[in-house]
């Protein structure tokens, strides 16, 4: 991974992915398809109607261990970043979390001698968590993002501000950590359990992805919205 430097619009898209394969998730969340050959970031983004500055803001933010987010939000175009965030919500709610749930059930059901109590515990814990995540992301999809789109179009709802979102924006990755610890410390696995190991890898990856998602919202999206709020307010004075 390349540290202390930034990817640019002239870097080849394949070079970025080869430096940090986790950025494949960023590619898909900006609705970019694979098969871009030797095209640069600028060429790929222009061909797909994606703001290259927003794409690079997210890529550099997520790929640099000591990345300073100050002023990075200035490169963010709200339409593109909202597209990215909404696609991330769909990934978590429609694909990743259901996939982890399915694998958890496979783990428990593969050990019939001890599956009954753990099946009930895992299902309730996970389903309660999924409901919490959906509520969290539905609020953003239905309230926060439409508000930001209005701002982007030059209008401001006087009854709302992004500070309201900041105050209630909790860390939705925390219960994923709890589930991981339950499996690590208390699940009575016998010998080598490849399926249990696989689901733990998935949980670790999802936990990290959710934390990164929250950071993008807190440190890129929110400051960009605040800046736009200030500009609209000053323009109406």
Protein backbone atom coordinates (compact mmCIF):
# COMPACT_ATOMS: atom_id res chain seq x y z
CA UNK A 1 0.00 0.00 0.00
CA UNK A 2 1.25 3.45 -0.82
CA UNK A 3 1.43 5.78 2.21
CA UNK A 4 2.05 9.49 2.66
CA UNK A 5 1.19 10.24 -0.93
CA UNK A 6 -2.00 10.55 -2.90
CA UNK A 7 -3.43 8.83 -5.90
CA UNK A 8 -4.15 11.27 -8.72
CA UNK A 9 -6.43 11.47 -11.74
CA UNK A 10 -3.51 10.39 -13.93
CA UNK A 11 -2.94 7.10 -12.12
CA UNK A 12 -4.23 4.02 -13.87
CA UNK A 13 -7.29 2.57 -12.16
CA UNK A 14 -5.69 -0.89 -12.16
CA UNK A 15 -2.65 0.54 -10.35
CA UNK A 16 -4.85 1.86 -7.54
CA UNK A 17 -6.60 -1.47 -7.06
CA UNK A 18 -3.33 -3.43 -7.12
CA UNK A 19 -1.98 -1.13 -4.40
CA UNK A 20 -5.02 -1.70 -2.18
CA UNK A 21 -7.48 -4.40 -3.22
CA UNK A 22 -10.03 -3.30 -0.58
CA UNK A 23 -10.71 -0.30 -2.84
CA UNK A 24 -12.66 -2.68 -5.08
CA UNK A 25 -15.58 -1.83 -2.79
CA UNK A 26 -15.14 1.86 -3.62
CA UNK A 27 -15.19 1.02 -7.33
CA UNK A 28 -18.53 -0.78 -7.05
CA UNK A 29 -20.08 1.88 -4.79
CA UNK A 30 -19.37 4.54 -7.38
CA UNK A 31 -21.12 2.30 -9.95
CA UNK A 32 -17.85 1.72 -11.81
CA UNK A 33 -17.45 -1.60 -13.58
CA UNK A 34 -14.31 -3.66 -13.90
CA UNK A 35 -12.68 -4.13 -17.28
CA UNK A 36 -11.22 -0.63 -17.47
CA UNK A 37 -7.98 -1.84 -19.06
CA UNK A 38 -5.18 0.72 -18.78
CA UNK A 39 -7.47 3.76 -18.45
CA UNK A 40 -6.65 6.41 -15.88
CA UNK A 41 -8.90 7.48 -13.03
CA UNK A 42 -9.85 10.56 -15.01
CA UNK A 43 -10.79 8.54 -18.09
CA UNK A 44 -12.82 5.96 -16.16
CA UNK A 45 -14.68 8.57 -14.12
CA UNK A 46 -15.46 10.75 -17.15
CA UNK A 47 -16.75 7.75 -19.09
CA UNK A 48 -19.13 6.90 -16.23
CA UNK A 49 -20.27 10.38 -15.23
CA UNK A 50 -18.52 10.24 -11.84
CA UNK A 51 -16.84 13.24 -10.26
CA UNK A 52 -13.14 12.30 -10.16
CA UNK A 53 -12.43 14.62 -7.22
CA UNK A 54 -15.02 12.85 -5.06
CA UNK A 55 -13.77 9.43 -6.11
CA UNK A 56 -10.17 10.32 -5.23
CA UNK A 57 -11.22 11.96 -1.96
CA UNK A 58 -12.72 8.65 -0.82
CA UNK A 59 -9.91 6.51 -2.26
CA UNK A 60 -7.16 8.54 -0.61
CA UNK A 61 -9.06 8.86 2.65
CA UNK A 62 -9.49 5.09 2.93
CA UNK A 63 -6.07 4.04 1.63
CA UNK A 64 -3.72 6.25 3.64
CA UNK A 65 -3.17 5.14 7.22
CA UNK A 66 -2.25 8.64 8.40
CA UNK A 67 -4.46 10.56 6.03
CA UNK A 68 -5.37 14.06 7.21
CA UNK A 69 -9.06 14.63 6.36
CA UNK A 70 -8.82 18.41 6.75
CA UNK A 71 -9.76 20.15 3.51
CA UNK A 72 -10.29 16.79 1.76
CA UNK A 73 -14.04 17.44 1.87
CA UNK A 74 -13.48 20.43 -0.41
CA UNK A 75 -12.97 17.97 -3.26
CA UNK A 76 -16.29 16.27 -2.56
CA UNK A 77 -19.21 16.81 -4.91
CA UNK A 78 -22.34 15.97 -2.94
CA UNK A 79 -24.19 14.20 -5.74
CA UNK A 80 -21.34 11.74 -6.23
CA UNK A 81 -20.66 11.14 -2.53
CA UNK A 82 -24.35 10.51 -1.83
CA UNK A 83 -24.42 8.00 -4.66
CA UNK A 84 -21.44 6.26 -3.07
CA UNK A 85 -22.98 6.22 0.42
CA UNK A 86 -26.38 4.96 -0.75
CA UNK A 87 -24.73 2.14 -2.71
CA UNK A 88 -22.77 1.24 0.42
CA UNK A 89 -26.04 1.03 2.36
CA UNK A 90 -27.45 -1.32 -0.24
CA UNK A 91 -24.31 -3.48 -0.05
CA UNK A 92 -24.58 -3.86 3.73
CA UNK A 93 -28.36 -4.34 3.94
CA UNK A 94 -29.02 -6.40 0.82
CA UNK A 95 -25.86 -8.45 0.50
CA UNK A 96 -23.18 -8.49 3.23
CA UNK A 97 -25.24 -8.74 6.40
CA UNK A 98 -27.67 -11.35 4.96
CA UNK A 99 -24.64 -13.33 3.77
CA UNK A 100 -23.11 -13.32 7.26
CA UNK A 101 -26.44 -14.39 8.78
CA UNK A 102 -26.69 -17.29 6.36
CA UNK A 103 -23.15 -18.44 7.20
CA UNK A 104 -23.82 -18.16 10.94
CA UNK A 105 -26.75 -20.53 10.57
CA UNK A 106 -24.60 -22.93 8.58
CA UNK A 107 -22.02 -22.89 11.38
CA UNK A 108 -24.59 -23.71 14.06
CA UNK A 109 -26.54 -26.22 11.99
CA UNK A 110 -23.35 -28.11 11.11
CA UNK A 111 -23.02 -29.04 14.81
CA UNK A 112 -26.44 -30.47 15.72
CA UNK A 113 -25.37 -31.57 19.21
CA UNK A 114 -25.06 -27.98 20.43
CA UNK A 115 -26.98 -25.91 17.95
CA UNK A 116 -30.25 -25.15 19.77
CA UNK A 117 -29.17 -22.49 22.32
CA UNK A 118 -26.61 -20.88 20.03
CA UNK A 119 -29.02 -20.81 17.09
CA UNK A 120 -31.52 -18.81 19.15
CA UNK A 121 -28.85 -16.51 20.59
CA UNK A 122 -27.20 -15.78 17.23
CA UNK A 123 -30.47 -15.27 15.38
CA UNK A 124 -31.89 -12.85 17.95
CA UNK A 125 -28.64 -10.95 18.31
CA UNK A 126 -28.07 -10.69 14.59
CA UNK A 127 -31.66 -9.86 13.64
CA UNK A 128 -31.84 -7.15 16.31
CA UNK A 129 -28.57 -5.76 14.98
CA UNK A 130 -29.78 -5.85 11.38
CA UNK A 131 -32.93 -3.95 12.39
CA UNK A 132 -30.76 -1.34 14.10
CA UNK A 133 -28.52 -0.93 11.04
CA UNK A 134 -31.53 -0.67 8.70
CA UNK A 135 -33.11 2.02 10.90
CA UNK A 136 -29.82 3.92 10.94
CA UNK A 137 -29.36 3.76 7.16
CA UNK A 138 -33.03 4.38 6.33
CA UNK A 139 -32.82 7.62 8.30
CA UNK A 140 -29.84 8.68 6.24
CA UNK A 141 -31.46 7.63 2.95
CA UNK A 142 -34.83 9.22 3.67
CA UNK A 143 -33.89 12.33 5.68
CA UNK A 144 -30.21 13.25 5.57
CA UNK A 145 -29.45 12.64 1.90
CA UNK A 146 -32.60 14.39 0.56
CA UNK A 147 -31.69 17.37 2.75
CA UNK A 148 -28.18 17.42 1.25
CA UNK A 149 -29.60 17.15 -2.28
CA UNK A 150 -31.80 20.18 -1.59
CA UNK A 151 -28.72 22.09 -0.47
CA UNK A 152 -26.90 21.00 -3.60
CA UNK A 153 -29.78 22.47 -5.61
CA UNK A 154 -29.52 25.77 -3.74
CA UNK A 155 -32.36 25.34 -1.25
CA UNK A 156 -32.19 24.91 2.51
CA UNK A 157 -34.79 23.42 4.83
CA UNK A 158 -34.87 25.84 7.81
CA UNK A 159 -36.19 23.09 10.09
CA UNK A 160 -33.17 20.82 9.69
CA UNK A 161 -29.37 21.00 9.74
CA UNK A 162 -26.55 18.52 9.40
CA UNK A 163 -25.67 19.10 13.08
CA UNK A 164 -28.83 17.14 13.98
CA UNK A 165 -27.42 14.19 12.08
CA UNK A 166 -24.02 14.59 13.77
CA UNK A 167 -25.57 14.41 17.22
CA UNK A 168 -27.41 11.15 16.57
CA UNK A 169 -24.84 9.45 14.32
CA UNK A 170 -23.82 6.37 16.30
CA UNK A 171 -21.18 3.78 15.52
CA UNK A 172 -23.06 0.89 13.96
CA UNK A 173 -20.00 -1.37 13.88
CA UNK A 174 -19.94 -1.85 17.67
CA UNK A 175 -22.41 -4.74 17.88
CA UNK A 176 -20.53 -6.50 15.11
CA UNK A 177 -17.56 -6.45 17.47
CA UNK A 178 -19.73 -8.04 20.19
CA UNK A 179 -20.83 -10.84 17.85
CA UNK A 180 -17.23 -11.50 16.85
CA UNK A 181 -16.22 -11.77 20.50
CA UNK A 182 -19.07 -14.17 21.31
CA UNK A 183 -17.91 -16.50 18.54
CA UNK A 184 -14.25 -16.21 19.53
CA UNK A 185 -14.71 -16.73 23.26
CA UNK A 186 -17.75 -18.91 23.78
CA UNK A 187 -18.79 -20.92 20.73
CA UNK A 188 -17.89 -24.60 21.40
CA UNK A 189 -16.16 -25.43 18.14
CA UNK A 190 -14.38 -28.76 17.78
CA UNK A 191 -11.06 -29.03 15.97
CA UNK A 192 -10.53 -27.30 12.66
CA UNK A 193 -13.71 -25.48 11.66
CA UNK A 194 -13.26 -23.87 8.25
CA UNK A 195 -16.80 -22.49 8.08
CA UNK A 196 -16.52 -20.81 11.48
CA UNK A 197 -13.17 -19.32 10.46
CA UNK A 198 -14.70 -18.05 7.23
CA UNK A 199 -17.63 -16.35 8.95
CA UNK A 200 -15.23 -14.74 11.45
CA UNK A 201 -13.16 -13.37 8.56
CA UNK A 202 -16.38 -11.97 7.07
CA UNK A 203 -17.34 -10.36 10.38
CA UNK A 204 -13.89 -8.80 10.80
CA UNK A 205 -14.06 -7.41 7.25
CA UNK A 206 -17.60 -6.10 7.71
CA UNK A 207 -16.71 -4.50 11.04
CA UNK A 208 -13.81 -2.65 9.39
CA UNK A 209 -15.94 -1.69 6.39
CA UNK A 210 -18.72 -0.29 8.58
CA UNK A 211 -16.21 1.74 10.60
CA UNK A 212 -14.68 3.14 7.40
CA UNK A 213 -18.17 3.93 6.10
CA UNK A 214 -18.95 5.92 9.25
CA UNK A 215 -15.67 7.80 8.90
CA UNK A 216 -16.46 8.78 5.31
CA UNK A 217 -19.80 10.16 6.50
CA UNK A 218 -18.34 11.98 9.50
CA UNK A 219 -15.16 13.35 7.95
CA UNK A 220 -16.03 13.87 4.27
CA UNK A 221 -19.80 14.06 3.83
CA UNK A 222 -20.71 16.10 6.93
CA UNK A 223 -18.02 18.81 6.44
CA UNK A 224 -19.03 19.16 2.78
CA UNK A 225 -22.67 19.65 3.79
CA UNK A 226 -21.69 22.16 6.50
CA UNK A 227 -19.73 24.19 3.97
CA UNK A 228 -22.70 24.27 1.63
CA UNK A 229 -25.02 25.28 4.48
CA UNK A 230 -22.75 28.21 5.26
CA UNK A 231 -22.59 29.31 1.63
CA UNK A 232 -26.37 29.27 1.24
CA UNK A 233 -26.87 31.09 4.54
CA UNK A 234 -24.39 33.80 3.60
CA UNK A 235 -25.99 34.19 0.18
CA UNK A 236 -29.39 34.88 1.75
CA UNK A 237 -28.14 37.52 4.20
